[in-house]
Amino acid sequence: MSQPYSRRSDLFLVISPFFSIFPALLLVLGALSDPVQRWCQAGRSTAYGILGAARIWCFLMLGAAALGLAVILLITVLAARALKKRRASGVWKDLFKMAVLPLVIHVGLCGLMLNSEVLPLLGKTGADMKQIESSQTAEREVWFLPGSMAAHLPGYFGPEKNLTQYQVRDAGGETLTVYVPAELSFEPGETWQSSQTPEWNRENIPGYRLSLTDEFHLAVTVGETAP
């Protein structure tokens, strides 16, 4: 602080914007919390529903970050108005410092999270949902490789593992990671045998036709094809 304050209440008003960072960050942490994510999921188990839940969560995160910024600005404005009404002098430089610090912290942390996780997830879920709505998902004939694991959509949104992650090989020999919603109740029968040739596998191992989204390779439908 630039100088001692004649009134302790003036000092409290000057430093109050700094402490606004705590409710601002609590709003963001609340949106990240498991109960809020489960509320967004709300029993959605289809591919479209899972994407929609993730999209709702993205908007909540954007709203929490914006509301946190508004809290910091509001407390700063209220403190400034109170100091002005009290005709306090020599406080404005310190008040500015106390307001800038939480703004930098909040914008920096939220900016990193939104840019790296929330905005990419928002774009990908929107693109995949449009594909499903327009029935323009990609059709692929694949063979499942051994092994699977419970998963959720890649990223921070994952209140529950409602997807099964598989590795598959398509007709062109490309290996893909695909996600099958638990709602489809799907388990592959025989899987690709690495000890055999690709020709042998295509002739003897059942293939499956998947309807997949482009961004997440999320299965909308699964159907067995003739071996």
Protein backbone atom coordinates (compact mmCIF):
# COMPACT_ATOMS: atom_id res chain seq x y z
CA MET A 1 0.00 0.00 0.00
CA SER A 2 1.20 3.48 -0.82
CA GLN A 3 0.34 5.07 2.55
CA PRO A 4 -1.21 4.28 5.95
CA TYR A 5 -4.97 4.82 6.09
CA SER A 6 -6.63 7.06 8.61
CA ARG A 7 -9.69 4.82 8.74
CA ARG A 8 -9.53 1.06 8.92
CA SER A 9 -12.75 0.81 6.93
CA ASP A 10 -11.07 2.59 4.02
CA LEU A 11 -8.36 -0.06 4.01
CA PHE A 12 -11.01 -2.80 4.01
CA LEU A 13 -12.75 -1.23 1.00
CA VAL A 14 -9.45 -0.90 -0.89
CA ILE A 15 -8.47 -4.56 -0.45
CA SER A 16 -11.99 -5.98 -0.93
CA PRO A 17 -11.60 -6.40 -4.74
CA PHE A 18 -8.66 -8.75 -4.14
CA PHE A 19 -10.82 -11.17 -2.15
CA SER A 20 -13.42 -11.25 -4.93
CA ILE A 21 -11.22 -13.81 -6.68
CA PHE A 22 -12.42 -16.49 -4.25
CA PRO A 23 -16.17 -16.41 -5.08
CA ALA A 24 -15.25 -15.97 -8.76
CA LEU A 25 -13.15 -19.12 -8.80
CA LEU A 26 -15.69 -20.99 -6.65
CA LEU A 27 -18.25 -20.46 -9.41
CA VAL A 28 -15.92 -22.11 -11.92
CA LEU A 29 -15.05 -24.95 -9.54
CA GLY A 30 -18.75 -25.47 -8.94
CA ALA A 31 -19.36 -25.89 -12.68
CA LEU A 32 -16.48 -28.38 -12.77
CA SER A 33 -17.88 -30.39 -9.85
CA ASP A 34 -19.24 -33.89 -10.20
CA PRO A 35 -22.80 -33.06 -9.03
CA VAL A 36 -23.16 -30.34 -11.65
CA GLN A 37 -21.81 -32.61 -14.37
CA ARG A 38 -24.22 -35.36 -13.31
CA TRP A 39 -27.07 -32.85 -13.49
CA CYS A 40 -26.03 -32.04 -17.06
CA GLN A 41 -25.96 -35.75 -17.90
CA ALA A 42 -29.39 -36.33 -16.32
CA GLY A 43 -29.73 -39.92 -17.52
CA ARG A 44 -28.86 -39.20 -21.16
CA SER A 45 -27.41 -42.43 -22.56
CA THR A 46 -27.72 -42.18 -26.35
CA ALA A 47 -24.90 -40.78 -28.46
CA TYR A 48 -26.91 -37.62 -29.14
CA GLY A 49 -27.85 -37.24 -25.49
CA ILE A 50 -24.26 -37.61 -24.27
CA LEU A 51 -23.11 -34.96 -26.74
CA GLY A 52 -25.97 -32.68 -25.68
CA ALA A 53 -25.04 -33.06 -22.01
CA ALA A 54 -21.43 -32.13 -22.74
CA ARG A 55 -22.64 -29.10 -24.69
CA ILE A 56 -24.82 -27.92 -21.79
CA TRP A 57 -21.81 -28.24 -19.49
CA CYS A 58 -19.71 -26.12 -21.86
CA PHE A 59 -22.29 -23.33 -21.71
CA LEU A 60 -22.36 -23.60 -17.90
CA MET A 61 -18.57 -23.25 -17.80
CA LEU A 62 -18.71 -20.18 -20.05
CA GLY A 63 -21.45 -18.73 -17.85
CA ALA A 64 -19.51 -19.43 -14.64
CA ALA A 65 -16.39 -17.74 -16.02
CA ALA A 66 -18.39 -14.71 -17.16
CA LEU A 67 -20.29 -14.49 -13.86
CA GLY A 68 -17.01 -14.72 -11.92
CA LEU A 69 -15.65 -11.80 -13.95
CA ALA A 70 -18.83 -9.84 -13.22
CA VAL A 71 -18.43 -10.52 -9.46
CA ILE A 72 -14.90 -9.07 -9.47
CA LEU A 73 -16.00 -5.98 -11.41
CA LEU A 74 -19.10 -5.48 -9.26
CA ILE A 75 -17.18 -5.61 -5.98
CA THR A 76 -14.60 -3.20 -7.38
CA VAL A 77 -17.28 -0.74 -8.50
CA LEU A 78 -19.08 -0.93 -5.14
CA ALA A 79 -15.83 -0.36 -3.28
CA ALA A 80 -14.98 2.61 -5.50
CA ARG A 81 -18.43 4.16 -5.00
CA ALA A 82 -18.19 3.73 -1.22
CA LEU A 83 -14.73 5.35 -1.13
CA LYS A 84 -15.91 8.20 -3.30
CA LYS A 85 -18.90 8.78 -1.04
CA ARG A 86 -16.57 8.86 1.98
CA ARG A 87 -14.33 11.36 0.14
CA ALA A 88 -11.32 9.09 0.72
CA SER A 89 -8.06 10.39 -0.71
CA GLY A 90 -4.89 8.64 -1.84
CA VAL A 91 -6.69 5.30 -2.29
CA TRP A 92 -7.29 5.03 -6.01
CA LYS A 93 -3.88 3.70 -7.02
CA ASP A 94 -4.07 0.94 -4.39
CA LEU A 95 -7.66 0.15 -5.32
CA PHE A 96 -6.61 -0.23 -8.95
CA LYS A 97 -3.85 -2.67 -7.95
CA MET A 98 -6.26 -4.69 -5.81
CA ALA A 99 -8.71 -4.92 -8.72
CA VAL A 100 -6.20 -5.80 -11.44
CA LEU A 101 -4.68 -8.77 -9.60
CA PRO A 102 -7.88 -10.88 -9.32
CA LEU A 103 -8.83 -9.92 -12.86
CA VAL A 104 -5.48 -11.17 -14.19
CA ILE A 105 -5.73 -14.41 -12.18
CA HIS A 106 -9.33 -15.09 -13.17
CA VAL A 107 -8.95 -14.23 -16.84
CA GLY A 108 -5.66 -16.14 -17.06
CA LEU A 109 -6.87 -19.36 -15.42
CA CYS A 110 -10.31 -19.36 -17.05
CA GLY A 111 -8.85 -18.35 -20.41
CA LEU A 112 -6.48 -21.31 -20.38
CA MET A 113 -9.24 -23.76 -19.44
CA LEU A 114 -11.78 -22.39 -21.89
CA ASN A 115 -9.28 -22.29 -24.74
CA SER A 116 -7.80 -25.74 -24.15
CA GLU A 117 -10.88 -27.70 -23.06
CA VAL A 118 -14.26 -25.99 -23.14
CA LEU A 119 -14.28 -24.24 -26.52
CA PRO A 120 -12.82 -27.25 -28.44
CA LEU A 121 -15.37 -29.53 -26.74
CA LEU A 122 -18.17 -27.11 -27.61
CA GLY A 123 -17.15 -27.09 -31.27
CA LYS A 124 -16.75 -30.86 -31.53
CA THR A 125 -20.04 -31.70 -29.80
CA GLY A 126 -21.88 -29.20 -31.99
CA ALA A 127 -20.43 -30.69 -35.17
CA ASP A 128 -21.23 -34.27 -34.13
CA MET A 129 -24.78 -33.37 -33.09
CA LYS A 130 -25.42 -31.73 -36.45
CA GLN A 131 -24.19 -34.92 -38.14
CA ILE A 132 -26.61 -37.06 -36.16
CA GLU A 133 -29.51 -34.65 -36.70
CA SER A 134 -28.95 -34.67 -40.47
CA SER A 135 -28.32 -38.46 -40.60
CA GLN A 136 -24.94 -37.84 -42.21
CA THR A 137 -22.77 -39.93 -39.92
CA ALA A 138 -19.95 -41.91 -41.54
CA GLU A 139 -20.61 -45.59 -42.28
CA ARG A 140 -17.59 -47.86 -41.72
CA GLU A 141 -17.13 -51.59 -41.87
CA VAL A 142 -14.77 -52.55 -39.07
CA TRP A 143 -13.31 -55.47 -37.17
CA PHE A 144 -12.85 -55.14 -33.44
CA LEU A 145 -9.41 -55.65 -31.92
CA PRO A 146 -9.08 -57.44 -28.55
CA GLY A 147 -9.58 -55.34 -25.41
CA SER A 148 -11.92 -52.60 -24.30
CA MET A 149 -12.32 -50.17 -21.44
CA ALA A 150 -15.04 -48.08 -19.84
CA ALA A 151 -14.69 -44.42 -20.78
CA HIS A 152 -16.38 -41.06 -21.13
CA LEU A 153 -15.95 -38.40 -23.78
CA PRO A 154 -12.32 -37.22 -23.92
CA GLY A 155 -11.82 -34.10 -21.80
CA TYR A 156 -12.95 -32.73 -18.45
CA PHE A 157 -16.62 -33.60 -18.89
CA GLY A 158 -17.11 -37.09 -17.54
CA PRO A 159 -19.59 -37.55 -14.69
CA GLU A 160 -19.75 -41.27 -15.41
CA LYS A 161 -18.14 -43.79 -17.72
CA ASN A 162 -21.12 -44.36 -20.01
CA LEU A 163 -19.10 -45.31 -23.09
CA THR A 164 -16.96 -48.30 -24.01
CA GLN A 165 -13.73 -47.53 -25.81
CA TYR A 166 -12.61 -49.98 -28.50
CA GLN A 167 -9.85 -50.22 -31.04
CA VAL A 168 -11.10 -51.26 -34.48
CA ARG A 169 -9.58 -51.85 -37.89
CA ASP A 170 -11.48 -50.76 -40.99
CA ALA A 171 -11.51 -52.28 -44.46
CA GLY A 172 -8.59 -50.07 -45.52
CA GLY A 173 -6.39 -51.31 -42.67
CA GLU A 174 -6.64 -48.10 -40.60
CA THR A 175 -6.85 -48.51 -36.83
CA LEU A 176 -9.35 -46.24 -35.04
CA THR A 177 -10.44 -45.58 -31.48
CA VAL A 178 -14.24 -45.64 -31.29
CA TYR A 179 -16.69 -45.03 -28.44
CA VAL A 180 -19.86 -47.09 -28.11
CA PRO A 181 -22.62 -45.81 -25.76
CA ALA A 182 -23.69 -48.22 -23.03
CA GLU A 183 -27.27 -47.69 -24.24
CA LEU A 184 -26.49 -49.85 -27.31
CA SER A 185 -25.69 -52.84 -25.04
CA PHE A 186 -23.07 -54.02 -27.52
CA GLU A 187 -20.23 -56.49 -27.13
CA PRO A 188 -18.28 -57.84 -30.12
CA GLY A 189 -18.09 -61.58 -30.61
CA GLU A 190 -14.84 -62.83 -32.06
CA THR A 191 -12.11 -60.21 -32.37
CA TRP A 192 -9.27 -59.62 -34.82
CA GLN A 193 -6.45 -62.16 -34.42
CA SER A 194 -3.07 -60.54 -34.87
CA SER A 195 -1.44 -63.94 -35.44
CA GLN A 196 -3.44 -64.38 -38.66
CA THR A 197 -3.25 -62.49 -41.93
CA PRO A 198 -5.65 -59.63 -42.69
CA GLU A 199 -7.24 -61.75 -45.42
CA TRP A 200 -7.88 -64.61 -42.99
CA ASN A 201 -9.42 -62.22 -40.45
CA ARG A 202 -11.75 -60.64 -43.01
CA GLU A 203 -12.94 -64.07 -44.13
CA ASN A 204 -13.34 -65.67 -40.68
CA ILE A 205 -13.95 -62.91 -38.11
CA PRO A 206 -17.33 -61.15 -38.09
CA GLY A 207 -17.21 -57.56 -39.24
CA TYR A 208 -19.47 -54.80 -37.99
CA ARG A 209 -20.96 -51.77 -39.66
CA LEU A 210 -20.69 -48.70 -37.49
CA SER A 211 -22.36 -45.35 -37.96
CA LEU A 212 -19.78 -42.94 -36.52
CA THR A 213 -19.51 -39.22 -35.89
CA ASP A 214 -16.46 -37.51 -37.36
CA GLU A 215 -15.11 -35.69 -34.30
CA PHE A 216 -15.35 -38.24 -31.47
CA HIS A 217 -15.88 -41.43 -33.52
CA LEU A 218 -18.97 -41.96 -31.38
CA ALA A 219 -21.09 -44.90 -32.51
CA VAL A 220 -24.73 -44.09 -33.24
CA THR A 221 -25.62 -47.58 -34.50
CA VAL A 222 -23.81 -50.91 -34.63
CA GLY A 223 -24.74 -53.77 -36.93
CA GLU A 224 -23.03 -57.06 -37.68
CA THR A 225 -22.08 -57.85 -41.28
CA ALA A 226 -21.50 -61.24 -42.84
CA PRO A 227 -18.01 -62.63 -42.21
